[in-house]
Amino acid sequence: MRAEEQQNGKWAPWWVYLVVILGCNYVKQYLVQDLPVVVNAAITIVLVGALFLAITVVYRSVRDAGR
């Protein structure tokens, strides 16, 4: 089964999430490297959740606009 057949169109391809989240986390680590671990972890959780939501919303809007 191909990836397009498995995907029901609600989610962006896995590699989009991976690239965006890893890239943003790399920048975040550079900016908050001196903060305590607990604060850094909290920022990471919020950042990943927000990015996941944003990627999904943008993907769905772009996909729906193309129809």
Protein backbone atom coordinates (compact mmCIF):
# COMPACT_ATOMS: atom_id res chain seq x y z
CA MET A 1 0.00 0.00 0.00
CA ARG A 2 1.37 3.38 -0.95
CA ALA A 3 1.66 6.24 1.54
CA GLU A 4 -0.97 8.24 -0.33
CA GLU A 5 -3.43 5.36 -0.03
CA GLN A 6 -2.77 4.97 3.69
CA GLN A 7 -3.15 8.67 4.36
CA ASN A 8 -6.71 9.87 4.60
CA GLY A 9 -5.80 13.46 3.73
CA LYS A 10 -6.12 14.87 7.23
CA TRP A 11 -2.42 14.94 8.00
CA ALA A 12 0.62 16.30 6.23
CA PRO A 13 3.33 13.80 5.29
CA TRP A 14 5.40 12.69 8.30
CA TRP A 15 8.58 14.28 6.99
CA VAL A 16 7.01 17.77 7.01
CA TYR A 17 6.36 17.48 10.74
CA LEU A 18 9.84 16.09 11.32
CA VAL A 19 11.72 18.81 9.41
CA VAL A 20 9.75 21.74 10.84
CA ILE A 21 9.77 20.51 14.44
CA LEU A 22 13.47 19.58 14.43
CA GLY A 23 14.44 22.88 12.80
CA CYS A 24 12.42 24.96 15.25
CA ASN A 25 13.69 22.93 18.20
CA TYR A 26 17.27 23.55 17.09
CA VAL A 27 16.65 27.31 17.03
CA LYS A 28 14.84 27.12 20.39
CA GLN A 29 17.77 25.31 21.98
CA TYR A 30 20.12 28.04 20.82
CA LEU A 31 17.89 30.77 22.24
CA VAL A 32 17.06 29.21 25.62
CA GLN A 33 20.17 27.18 26.36
CA ASP A 34 20.76 28.91 29.71
CA LEU A 35 17.27 28.27 31.12
CA PRO A 36 16.62 25.45 33.61
CA VAL A 37 15.75 22.02 32.20
CA VAL A 38 12.15 22.16 33.45
CA VAL A 39 11.50 25.47 31.69
CA ASN A 40 13.21 24.22 28.53
CA ALA A 41 11.06 21.07 28.55
CA ALA A 42 7.87 23.10 29.04
CA ILE A 43 8.78 25.38 26.14
CA THR A 44 9.51 22.32 23.98
CA ILE A 45 6.13 20.73 24.75
CA VAL A 46 4.24 23.93 23.93
CA LEU A 47 6.34 24.55 20.81
CA VAL A 48 5.82 21.03 19.42
CA GLY A 49 2.08 21.16 20.08
CA ALA A 50 1.74 24.56 18.41
CA LEU A 51 3.84 23.51 15.43
CA PHE A 52 1.90 20.27 14.99
CA LEU A 53 -1.36 22.22 15.00
CA ALA A 54 -0.04 24.92 12.66
CA ILE A 55 1.38 22.42 10.15
CA THR A 56 -1.89 20.50 10.10
CA VAL A 57 -4.02 23.65 9.63
CA VAL A 58 -1.81 24.99 6.84
CA TYR A 59 -1.68 21.61 5.09
CA ARG A 60 -5.45 21.20 5.19
CA SER A 61 -6.10 24.74 3.97
CA VAL A 62 -3.64 24.39 1.09
CA ARG A 63 -5.02 20.96 0.18
CA ASP A 64 -8.63 22.18 0.30
CA ALA A 65 -7.76 25.28 -1.76
CA GLY A 66 -6.41 23.01 -4.51
CA ARG A 67 -9.70 21.17 -4.89
